[in-house]
Amino acid sequence: MLARNNSIAAGARLRSARYQSGFSLVEVLVAALLLSIGLIGLARLQALSLGNTQNSFMRSQATALVYDLADRMRSNVPGSNANAYDPASAAITASCRSTTGCTAQQLAANDLAEWNAAINAYLPMGQGWVCLDSTPNDGTSAASPQCDGGGTQFTIKVWWDNNRDGAINMTAANTERLSIRFQL
């Protein structure tokens, strides 16, 4: 009787193995769907990461440019104290790059012209402004820097088009401005 029960059990296992020998097509489709959803999420995460990296790069460029002008102004104290770093007077002066030299006002105008060229080269739609300002975190562009001329500290403001949509956005979610105050 024991031998007969063993043969029945073996036959049941054989039939069971024959009917359950692999995955069904539905299981494969569900697995493929879940995998594709995961890959789409991963692609979205990669795109977001690239955007944040670009934002960080632009902000680093703006910071380096702001500190470059601050250092130029600190090295030309007579020009800074005479308010010669007026963006409207920016002009390249050839004698500033020679041994004959130039005046403090010419050096300031030359510094601003070189600085503006660097802003245009490194930041999309880059604009910059320097002034005495008691409220540094205002202004929407170099056309409207909103410098009040008050205070004892200089403010350098830089704007750029971070998301490359063709406009400088000043909404809370998308600030494309860097403003730094410093004293000589």
N, C-alpha and C. Protein backbone atom coordinates (compact mmCIF):
# COMPACT_ATOMS: atom_id res chain seq x y z
N MET A 1 0.82 -1.19 0.00
CA MET A 1 0.00 0.00 0.00
C MET A 1 0.87 1.25 0.00
N LEU A 2 1.98 1.14 0.71
CA LEU A 2 2.89 2.28 0.79
C LEU A 2 3.49 2.59 -0.59
N ALA A 3 3.79 1.55 -1.33
CA ALA A 3 4.37 1.74 -2.65
C ALA A 3 3.36 2.39 -3.58
N ARG A 4 2.09 2.00 -3.41
CA ARG A 4 1.06 2.58 -4.25
C ARG A 4 0.86 4.05 -3.93
N ASN A 5 0.88 4.44 -2.67
CA ASN A 5 0.76 5.85 -2.27
C ASN A 5 1.93 6.67 -2.80
N ASN A 6 3.11 6.08 -2.80
CA ASN A 6 4.28 6.79 -3.34
C ASN A 6 4.15 7.03 -4.83
N SER A 7 3.61 6.05 -5.53
CA SER A 7 3.46 6.21 -6.97
C SER A 7 2.36 7.22 -7.30
N ILE A 8 1.32 7.30 -6.50
CA ILE A 8 0.26 8.29 -6.70
C ILE A 8 0.81 9.69 -6.44
N ALA A 9 1.58 9.83 -5.37
CA ALA A 9 2.17 11.13 -5.04
C ALA A 9 3.14 11.57 -6.12
N ALA A 10 3.90 10.63 -6.65
CA ALA A 10 4.85 10.97 -7.71
C ALA A 10 4.11 11.38 -8.97
N GLY A 11 3.03 10.73 -9.27
CA GLY A 11 2.23 11.10 -10.44
C GLY A 11 1.60 12.47 -10.28
N ALA A 12 1.17 12.81 -9.07
CA ALA A 12 0.57 14.13 -8.82
C ALA A 12 1.62 15.21 -8.98
N ARG A 13 2.83 14.94 -8.50
CA ARG A 13 3.90 15.92 -8.65
C ARG A 13 4.26 16.11 -10.12
N LEU A 14 4.25 15.05 -10.87
CA LEU A 14 4.58 15.12 -12.28
C LEU A 14 3.55 15.95 -13.03
N ARG A 15 2.26 15.72 -12.74
CA ARG A 15 1.21 16.51 -13.41
C ARG A 15 1.29 17.98 -12.99
N SER A 16 1.57 18.24 -11.71
CA SER A 16 1.66 19.61 -11.20
C SER A 16 2.82 20.36 -11.85
N ALA A 17 3.93 19.68 -12.02
CA ALA A 17 5.10 20.31 -12.63
C ALA A 17 4.84 20.60 -14.10
N ARG A 18 4.06 19.75 -14.74
CA ARG A 18 3.78 19.94 -16.15
C ARG A 18 2.93 21.19 -16.37
N TYR A 19 1.98 21.46 -15.49
CA TYR A 19 1.08 22.60 -15.68
C TYR A 19 1.67 23.90 -15.16
N GLN A 20 2.64 23.88 -14.29
CA GLN A 20 3.24 25.09 -13.74
C GLN A 20 4.72 25.14 -14.10
N SER A 21 5.02 25.08 -15.35
CA SER A 21 6.40 24.99 -15.77
C SER A 21 7.05 26.33 -16.10
N GLY A 22 6.36 27.49 -15.99
CA GLY A 22 6.97 28.78 -16.32
C GLY A 22 6.07 29.93 -15.94
N PHE A 23 6.47 31.13 -16.37
CA PHE A 23 5.68 32.32 -16.09
C PHE A 23 4.60 32.48 -17.14
N SER A 24 3.53 33.07 -16.73
CA SER A 24 2.48 33.36 -17.71
C SER A 24 2.79 34.68 -18.39
N LEU A 25 2.17 34.91 -19.51
CA LEU A 25 2.39 36.14 -20.26
C LEU A 25 1.96 37.37 -19.45
N VAL A 26 0.93 37.24 -18.66
CA VAL A 26 0.45 38.35 -17.83
C VAL A 26 1.51 38.74 -16.80
N GLU A 27 2.14 37.75 -16.19
CA GLU A 27 3.18 38.05 -15.21
C GLU A 27 4.36 38.76 -15.85
N VAL A 28 4.72 38.38 -17.05
CA VAL A 28 5.83 39.02 -17.77
C VAL A 28 5.46 40.47 -18.11
N LEU A 29 4.23 40.71 -18.55
CA LEU A 29 3.79 42.08 -18.89
C LEU A 29 3.76 42.97 -17.65
N VAL A 30 3.30 42.44 -16.52
CA VAL A 30 3.27 43.23 -15.29
C VAL A 30 4.70 43.58 -14.87
N ALA A 31 5.61 42.63 -14.96
CA ALA A 31 7.01 42.89 -14.60
C ALA A 31 7.62 43.94 -15.53
N ALA A 32 7.33 43.86 -16.83
CA ALA A 32 7.84 44.84 -17.79
C ALA A 32 7.27 46.23 -17.51
N LEU A 33 5.99 46.30 -17.14
CA LEU A 33 5.37 47.57 -16.81
C LEU A 33 6.02 48.20 -15.58
N LEU A 34 6.23 47.41 -14.55
CA LEU A 34 6.87 47.93 -13.34
C LEU A 34 8.30 48.38 -13.62
N LEU A 35 9.02 47.65 -14.42
CA LEU A 35 10.38 48.03 -14.79
C LEU A 35 10.40 49.34 -15.57
N SER A 36 9.47 49.49 -16.50
CA SER A 36 9.43 50.73 -17.31
C SER A 36 9.06 51.93 -16.45
N ILE A 37 8.16 51.77 -15.49
CA ILE A 37 7.82 52.87 -14.59
C ILE A 37 9.04 53.26 -13.76
N GLY A 38 9.79 52.29 -13.29
CA GLY A 38 11.01 52.57 -12.54
C GLY A 38 12.05 53.29 -13.38
N LEU A 39 12.20 52.89 -14.65
CA LEU A 39 13.17 53.54 -15.53
C LEU A 39 12.76 54.97 -15.88
N ILE A 40 11.47 55.20 -16.04
CA ILE A 40 10.99 56.56 -16.30
C ILE A 40 11.26 57.45 -15.09
N GLY A 41 11.04 56.93 -13.90
CA GLY A 41 11.36 57.68 -12.69
C GLY A 41 12.84 57.98 -12.58
N LEU A 42 13.66 57.03 -12.94
CA LEU A 42 15.11 57.24 -12.91
C LEU A 42 15.54 58.30 -13.93
N ALA A 43 14.92 58.29 -15.11
CA ALA A 43 15.24 59.31 -16.12
C ALA A 43 14.83 60.70 -15.64
N ARG A 44 13.70 60.80 -14.98
CA ARG A 44 13.24 62.08 -14.42
C ARG A 44 14.20 62.58 -13.34
N LEU A 45 14.66 61.68 -12.51
CA LEU A 45 15.62 62.03 -11.48
C LEU A 45 16.93 62.52 -12.09
N GLN A 46 17.37 61.90 -13.15
CA GLN A 46 18.59 62.31 -13.83
C GLN A 46 18.42 63.70 -14.44
N ALA A 47 17.29 63.97 -15.06
CA ALA A 47 17.03 65.30 -15.65
C ALA A 47 17.00 66.37 -14.56
N LEU A 48 16.38 66.08 -13.45
CA LEU A 48 16.34 67.03 -12.33
C LEU A 48 17.74 67.29 -11.79
N SER A 49 18.53 66.26 -11.70
CA SER A 49 19.90 66.40 -11.23
C SER A 49 20.72 67.28 -12.17
N LEU A 50 20.56 67.10 -13.46
CA LEU A 50 21.28 67.93 -14.43
C LEU A 50 20.87 69.40 -14.32
N GLY A 51 19.58 69.65 -14.13
CA GLY A 51 19.10 71.03 -13.96
C GLY A 51 19.68 71.68 -12.72
N ASN A 52 19.73 70.94 -11.62
CA ASN A 52 20.30 71.49 -10.39
C ASN A 52 21.80 71.73 -10.53
N THR A 53 22.48 70.87 -11.26
CA THR A 53 23.91 71.06 -11.50
C THR A 53 24.14 72.33 -12.32
N GLN A 54 23.30 72.57 -13.32
CA GLN A 54 23.42 73.78 -14.13
C GLN A 54 23.16 75.03 -13.29
N ASN A 55 22.16 74.96 -12.43
CA ASN A 55 21.85 76.08 -11.53
C ASN A 55 23.04 76.37 -10.62
N SER A 56 23.62 75.35 -10.07
CA SER A 56 24.78 75.51 -9.19
C SER A 56 25.96 76.11 -9.95
N PHE A 57 26.18 75.67 -11.17
CA PHE A 57 27.28 76.19 -11.97
C PHE A 57 27.09 77.68 -12.25
N MET A 58 25.88 78.07 -12.63
CA MET A 58 25.61 79.49 -12.92
C MET A 58 25.81 80.35 -11.68
N ARG A 59 25.33 79.88 -10.54
CA ARG A 59 25.49 80.63 -9.29
C ARG A 59 26.98 80.73 -8.91
N SER A 60 27.75 79.69 -9.15
CA SER A 60 29.19 79.74 -8.89
C SER A 60 29.88 80.74 -9.80
N GLN A 61 29.50 80.76 -11.06
CA GLN A 61 30.07 81.73 -12.00
C GLN A 61 29.75 83.15 -11.56
N ALA A 62 28.50 83.38 -11.17
CA ALA A 62 28.10 84.72 -10.73
C ALA A 62 28.87 85.13 -9.48
N THR A 63 29.06 84.21 -8.55
CA THR A 63 29.80 84.50 -7.33
C THR A 63 31.24 84.86 -7.64
N ALA A 64 31.88 84.11 -8.51
CA ALA A 64 33.26 84.40 -8.89
C ALA A 64 33.36 85.77 -9.56
N LEU A 65 32.40 86.11 -10.41
CA LEU A 65 32.42 87.41 -11.08
C LEU A 65 32.20 88.56 -10.10
N VAL A 66 31.32 88.38 -9.14
CA VAL A 66 31.06 89.42 -8.14
C VAL A 66 32.32 89.67 -7.31
N TYR A 67 32.95 88.61 -6.86
CA TYR A 67 34.16 88.77 -6.05
C TYR A 67 35.32 89.31 -6.88
N ASP A 68 35.34 89.03 -8.17
CA ASP A 68 36.36 89.61 -9.05
C ASP A 68 36.25 91.13 -9.06
N LEU A 69 35.03 91.65 -9.23
CA LEU A 69 34.88 93.11 -9.24
C LEU A 69 35.15 93.70 -7.86
N ALA A 70 34.75 93.03 -6.81
CA ALA A 70 35.02 93.52 -5.46
C ALA A 70 36.54 93.63 -5.23
N ASP A 71 37.28 92.64 -5.68
CA ASP A 71 38.74 92.70 -5.55
C ASP A 71 39.34 93.81 -6.39
N ARG A 72 38.81 94.03 -7.58
CA ARG A 72 39.29 95.13 -8.42
C ARG A 72 39.02 96.47 -7.74
N MET A 73 37.86 96.59 -7.12
CA MET A 73 37.53 97.85 -6.44
C MET A 73 38.40 98.06 -5.21
N ARG A 74 38.70 97.00 -4.50
CA ARG A 74 39.58 97.11 -3.33
C ARG A 74 41.00 97.48 -3.73
N SER A 75 41.43 97.07 -4.91
CA SER A 75 42.78 97.42 -5.36
C SER A 75 42.83 98.82 -5.96
N ASN A 76 41.70 99.44 -6.20
CA ASN A 76 41.63 100.81 -6.74
C ASN A 76 40.77 101.65 -5.80
N VAL A 77 41.23 101.83 -4.58
CA VAL A 77 40.47 102.57 -3.57
C VAL A 77 40.19 104.01 -4.00
N PRO A 78 41.18 104.73 -4.59
CA PRO A 78 40.86 106.11 -5.02
C PRO A 78 39.71 106.16 -6.04
N GLY A 79 39.69 105.22 -6.97
CA GLY A 79 38.61 105.18 -7.96
C GLY A 79 37.28 104.81 -7.32
N SER A 80 37.33 103.89 -6.35
CA SER A 80 36.10 103.48 -5.67
C SER A 80 35.54 104.62 -4.84
N ASN A 81 36.41 105.31 -4.09
CA ASN A 81 35.95 106.43 -3.25
C ASN A 81 35.43 107.59 -4.08
N ALA A 82 35.91 107.73 -5.31
CA ALA A 82 35.44 108.80 -6.19
C ALA A 82 34.19 108.39 -6.96
N ASN A 83 33.61 107.23 -6.63
CA ASN A 83 32.43 106.69 -7.32
C ASN A 83 32.66 106.55 -8.82
N ALA A 84 33.89 106.18 -9.19
CA ALA A 84 34.23 106.00 -10.60
C ALA A 84 33.75 104.66 -11.14
N TYR A 85 33.29 103.78 -10.27
CA TYR A 85 32.78 102.49 -10.72
C TYR A 85 31.30 102.60 -11.07
N ASP A 86 31.00 103.59 -11.88
CA ASP A 86 29.64 103.80 -12.38
C ASP A 86 29.50 102.99 -13.66
N PRO A 87 28.58 102.03 -13.71
CA PRO A 87 28.46 101.17 -14.90
C PRO A 87 28.22 101.94 -16.20
N ALA A 88 27.68 103.13 -16.11
CA ALA A 88 27.44 103.91 -17.32
C ALA A 88 28.75 104.39 -17.94
N SER A 89 29.83 104.44 -17.16
CA SER A 89 31.10 104.96 -17.67
C SER A 89 32.07 103.85 -18.07
N ALA A 90 31.63 102.63 -18.18
CA ALA A 90 32.51 101.52 -18.52
C ALA A 90 33.08 101.68 -19.92
N ALA A 91 34.40 101.63 -20.01
CA ALA A 91 35.08 101.76 -21.30
C ALA A 91 36.48 101.19 -21.20
N ILE A 92 36.90 100.51 -22.24
CA ILE A 92 38.25 99.96 -22.28
C ILE A 92 39.24 101.10 -22.52
N THR A 93 40.29 101.15 -21.71
CA THR A 93 41.35 102.13 -21.87
C THR A 93 42.65 101.37 -22.12
N ALA A 94 43.23 101.57 -23.29
CA ALA A 94 44.42 100.80 -23.68
C ALA A 94 45.60 101.09 -22.77
N SER A 95 45.72 102.30 -22.29
CA SER A 95 46.88 102.64 -21.46
C SER A 95 46.86 101.92 -20.11
N CYS A 96 45.72 101.40 -19.69
CA CYS A 96 45.65 100.65 -18.43
C CYS A 96 46.37 99.31 -18.53
N ARG A 97 46.63 98.86 -19.74
CA ARG A 97 47.33 97.60 -19.94
C ARG A 97 48.77 97.81 -20.38
N SER A 98 49.27 98.98 -20.21
CA SER A 98 50.65 99.26 -20.60
C SER A 98 51.42 99.79 -19.39
N THR A 99 52.70 100.02 -19.60
CA THR A 99 53.53 100.51 -18.50
C THR A 99 53.29 101.98 -18.21
N THR A 100 52.67 102.70 -19.14
CA THR A 100 52.40 104.12 -18.90
C THR A 100 51.30 104.30 -17.86
N GLY A 101 50.40 103.32 -17.76
CA GLY A 101 49.36 103.36 -16.74
C GLY A 101 48.20 104.27 -17.10
N CYS A 102 47.29 104.40 -16.15
CA CYS A 102 46.11 105.23 -16.36
C CYS A 102 45.67 105.79 -15.01
N THR A 103 44.72 106.69 -15.04
CA THR A 103 44.23 107.30 -13.81
C THR A 103 43.31 106.32 -13.08
N ALA A 104 42.99 106.64 -11.85
CA ALA A 104 42.10 105.78 -11.06
C ALA A 104 40.72 105.70 -11.71
N GLN A 105 40.25 106.81 -12.29
CA GLN A 105 38.94 106.79 -12.95
C GLN A 105 38.98 105.95 -14.23
N GLN A 106 40.07 106.06 -14.99
CA GLN A 106 40.19 105.24 -16.20
C GLN A 106 40.30 103.75 -15.85
N LEU A 107 41.02 103.46 -14.77
CA LEU A 107 41.14 102.07 -14.33
C LEU A 107 39.77 101.52 -13.91
N ALA A 108 38.99 102.34 -13.23
CA ALA A 108 37.65 101.91 -12.83
C ALA A 108 36.78 101.64 -14.06
N ALA A 109 36.82 102.52 -15.04
CA ALA A 109 36.03 102.33 -16.26
C ALA A 109 36.50 101.08 -17.01
N ASN A 110 37.82 100.87 -17.04
CA ASN A 110 38.37 99.69 -17.70
C ASN A 110 37.97 98.42 -16.95
N ASP A 111 38.06 98.44 -15.63
CA ASP A 111 37.64 97.28 -14.83
C ASP A 111 36.19 96.92 -15.11
N LEU A 112 35.33 97.92 -15.15
CA LEU A 112 33.90 97.65 -15.40
C LEU A 112 33.66 97.10 -16.80
N ALA A 113 34.38 97.62 -17.79
CA ALA A 113 34.20 97.13 -19.16
C ALA A 113 34.65 95.67 -19.26
N GLU A 114 35.78 95.34 -18.65
CA GLU A 114 36.25 93.96 -18.67
C GLU A 114 35.30 93.05 -17.89
N TRP A 115 34.79 93.54 -16.77
CA TRP A 115 33.86 92.77 -15.95
C TRP A 115 32.56 92.50 -16.69
N ASN A 116 32.03 93.53 -17.37
CA ASN A 116 30.80 93.34 -18.15
C ASN A 116 31.01 92.35 -19.29
N ALA A 117 32.18 92.38 -19.90
CA ALA A 117 32.48 91.41 -20.97
C ALA A 117 32.51 90.00 -20.40
N ALA A 118 33.07 89.83 -19.20
CA ALA A 118 33.11 88.51 -18.57
C ALA A 118 31.71 88.03 -18.20
N ILE A 119 30.88 88.93 -17.72
CA ILE A 119 29.50 88.56 -17.39
C ILE A 119 28.77 88.09 -18.64
N ASN A 120 28.94 88.81 -19.73
CA ASN A 120 28.29 88.41 -20.98
C ASN A 120 28.82 87.09 -21.51
N ALA A 121 30.11 86.80 -21.24
CA ALA A 121 30.71 85.56 -21.73
C ALA A 121 30.30 84.35 -20.91
N TYR A 122 30.16 84.52 -19.60
CA TYR A 122 29.96 83.36 -18.72
C TYR A 122 28.52 83.14 -18.26
N LEU A 123 27.68 84.15 -18.34
CA LEU A 123 26.30 84.00 -17.88
C LEU A 123 25.34 84.33 -19.02
N PRO A 124 24.35 83.48 -19.29
CA PRO A 124 23.39 83.79 -20.35
C PRO A 124 22.55 85.00 -19.96
N MET A 125 22.49 85.96 -20.86
CA MET A 125 21.79 87.23 -20.64
C MET A 125 22.32 87.93 -19.39
N GLY A 126 23.61 87.77 -19.10
CA GLY A 126 24.20 88.31 -17.88
C GLY A 126 24.23 89.83 -17.87
N GLN A 127 23.90 90.39 -16.73
CA GLN A 127 23.92 91.83 -16.50
C GLN A 127 24.48 92.08 -15.12
N GLY A 128 25.19 93.19 -14.96
CA GLY A 128 25.73 93.49 -13.64
C GLY A 128 25.66 94.97 -13.34
N TRP A 129 25.68 95.29 -12.05
CA TRP A 129 25.59 96.67 -11.60
C TRP A 129 26.33 96.78 -10.27
N VAL A 130 26.97 97.93 -10.04
CA VAL A 130 27.63 98.20 -8.77
C VAL A 130 27.21 99.59 -8.32
N CYS A 131 26.92 99.73 -7.03
CA CYS A 131 26.46 101.02 -6.51
C CYS A 131 26.50 101.01 -4.99
N LEU A 132 26.32 102.17 -4.41
CA LEU A 132 26.06 102.26 -2.97
C LEU A 132 24.57 102.03 -2.79
N ASP A 133 24.22 101.12 -1.90
CA ASP A 133 22.81 100.75 -1.77
C ASP A 133 22.56 100.24 -0.36
N SER A 134 21.55 100.76 0.27
CA SER A 134 21.19 100.29 1.61
C SER A 134 20.23 99.11 1.58
N THR A 135 19.65 98.83 0.41
CA THR A 135 18.74 97.69 0.25
C THR A 135 19.24 96.84 -0.92
N PRO A 136 20.17 95.93 -0.68
CA PRO A 136 20.81 95.22 -1.79
C PRO A 136 19.96 94.16 -2.47
N ASN A 137 18.94 93.66 -1.84
CA ASN A 137 18.16 92.56 -2.40
C ASN A 137 16.94 93.02 -3.17
N ASP A 138 17.12 94.05 -3.96
CA ASP A 138 16.04 94.51 -4.83
C ASP A 138 16.61 94.74 -6.22
N GLY A 139 15.79 95.17 -7.12
CA GLY A 139 16.21 95.37 -8.50
C GLY A 139 15.90 94.15 -9.33
N THR A 140 15.44 94.40 -10.54
CA THR A 140 15.05 93.30 -11.42
C THR A 140 16.00 93.10 -12.59
N SER A 141 16.84 94.08 -12.87
CA SER A 141 17.82 93.95 -13.95
C SER A 141 18.74 95.16 -13.88
N ALA A 142 19.75 95.18 -14.74
CA ALA A 142 20.66 96.33 -14.79
C ALA A 142 19.92 97.57 -15.27
N ALA A 143 18.83 97.40 -15.99
CA ALA A 143 18.03 98.54 -16.41
C ALA A 143 17.25 99.12 -15.24
N SER A 144 16.99 98.31 -14.22
CA SER A 144 16.28 98.75 -13.03
C SER A 144 16.94 98.16 -11.78
N PRO A 145 18.17 98.64 -11.46
CA PRO A 145 18.88 98.05 -10.32
C PRO A 145 18.36 98.49 -8.96
N GLN A 146 17.59 99.57 -8.92
CA GLN A 146 17.00 100.12 -7.70
C GLN A 146 18.05 100.40 -6.63
N CYS A 147 19.11 101.06 -7.04
CA CYS A 147 20.14 101.50 -6.09
C CYS A 147 19.71 102.84 -5.53
N ASP A 148 19.71 102.96 -4.20
CA ASP A 148 19.27 104.21 -3.59
C ASP A 148 20.42 105.17 -3.27
N GLY A 149 21.67 104.74 -3.46
CA GLY A 149 22.81 105.61 -3.19
C GLY A 149 23.08 105.81 -1.71
N GLY A 150 22.33 105.14 -0.86
CA GLY A 150 22.50 105.29 0.58
C GLY A 150 23.39 104.21 1.15
N GLY A 151 23.77 104.41 2.37
CA GLY A 151 24.60 103.42 3.05
C GLY A 151 26.07 103.67 2.82
N THR A 152 26.87 102.89 3.48
CA THR A 152 28.32 103.04 3.38
C THR A 152 28.97 101.83 2.71
N GLN A 153 28.17 100.88 2.29
CA GLN A 153 28.71 99.68 1.67
C GLN A 153 28.32 99.62 0.19
N PHE A 154 29.27 99.14 -0.61
CA PHE A 154 28.99 98.94 -2.02
C PHE A 154 28.19 97.65 -2.19
N THR A 155 27.35 97.63 -3.19
CA THR A 155 26.58 96.45 -3.53
C THR A 155 26.84 96.11 -4.99
N ILE A 156 27.17 94.85 -5.23
CA ILE A 156 27.33 94.37 -6.60
C ILE A 156 26.18 93.41 -6.86
N LYS A 157 25.43 93.69 -7.92
CA LYS A 157 24.27 92.87 -8.29
C LYS A 157 24.50 92.27 -9.66
N VAL A 158 24.20 90.99 -9.79
CA VAL A 158 24.34 90.29 -11.07
C VAL A 158 23.04 89.53 -11.35
N TRP A 159 22.56 89.64 -12.58
CA TRP A 159 21.36 88.93 -13.01
C TRP A 159 21.73 88.05 -14.20
N TRP A 160 21.03 86.93 -14.37
CA TRP A 160 21.25 86.05 -15.51
C TRP A 160 20.00 85.21 -15.75
N ASP A 161 19.94 84.62 -16.93
CA ASP A 161 18.83 83.76 -17.32
C ASP A 161 19.22 82.32 -17.02
N ASN A 162 18.89 81.85 -15.85
CA ASN A 162 19.34 80.54 -15.38
C ASN A 162 18.68 79.39 -16.13
N ASN A 163 17.39 79.49 -16.40
CA ASN A 163 16.69 78.39 -17.06
C ASN A 163 16.61 78.56 -18.57
N ARG A 164 17.27 79.58 -19.08
CA ARG A 164 17.39 79.84 -20.53
C ARG A 164 16.03 79.91 -21.24
N ASP A 165 15.09 80.58 -20.58
CA ASP A 165 13.78 80.75 -21.20
C ASP A 165 13.67 82.10 -21.92
N GLY A 166 14.76 82.86 -21.95
CA GLY A 166 14.77 84.14 -22.66
C GLY A 166 14.39 85.32 -21.79
N ALA A 167 14.21 85.11 -20.48
CA ALA A 167 13.85 86.19 -19.57
C ALA A 167 14.49 85.93 -18.21
N ILE A 168 14.79 87.02 -17.52
CA ILE A 168 15.31 86.91 -16.16
C ILE A 168 14.13 86.91 -15.22
N ASN A 169 13.95 85.82 -14.49
CA ASN A 169 12.79 85.64 -13.62
C ASN A 169 13.14 85.98 -12.19
N MET A 170 12.33 86.78 -11.55
CA MET A 170 12.59 87.19 -10.17
C MET A 170 11.51 86.69 -9.22
N THR A 171 10.82 85.61 -9.58
CA THR A 171 9.84 85.04 -8.67
C THR A 171 10.57 84.33 -7.53
N ALA A 172 9.86 84.07 -6.46
CA ALA A 172 10.48 83.43 -5.30
C ALA A 172 11.03 82.05 -5.65
N ALA A 173 10.36 81.34 -6.54
CA ALA A 173 10.81 80.00 -6.89
C ALA A 173 11.97 80.02 -7.88
N ASN A 174 12.19 81.15 -8.55
CA ASN A 174 13.20 81.19 -9.60
C ASN A 174 13.96 82.51 -9.55
N THR A 175 14.76 82.71 -8.55
CA THR A 175 15.54 83.94 -8.45
C THR A 175 16.83 83.77 -9.23
N GLU A 176 17.02 84.65 -10.17
CA GLU A 176 18.20 84.62 -11.02
C GLU A 176 19.02 85.88 -10.78
N ARG A 177 19.29 86.14 -9.51
CA ARG A 177 20.05 87.33 -9.12
C ARG A 177 20.97 86.96 -7.96
N LEU A 178 22.15 87.55 -7.97
CA LEU A 178 23.07 87.43 -6.85
C LEU A 178 23.46 88.84 -6.46
N SER A 179 23.39 89.13 -5.18
CA SER A 179 23.71 90.46 -4.67
C SER A 179 24.64 90.31 -3.47
N ILE A 180 25.75 91.02 -3.51
CA ILE A 180 26.72 90.96 -2.41
C ILE A 180 27.11 92.37 -2.03
N ARG A 181 27.13 92.61 -0.71
CA ARG A 181 27.55 93.91 -0.17
C ARG A 181 28.95 93.76 0.39
N PHE A 182 29.76 94.82 0.24
CA PHE A 182 31.10 94.78 0.82
C PHE A 182 31.56 96.20 1.11
N GLN A 183 32.54 96.29 1.95
CA GLN A 183 33.10 97.58 2.32
C GLN A 183 34.57 97.55 1.95
N LEU A 184 35.07 98.70 1.48
CA LEU A 184 36.49 98.78 1.10
C LEU A 184 37.40 98.66 2.28
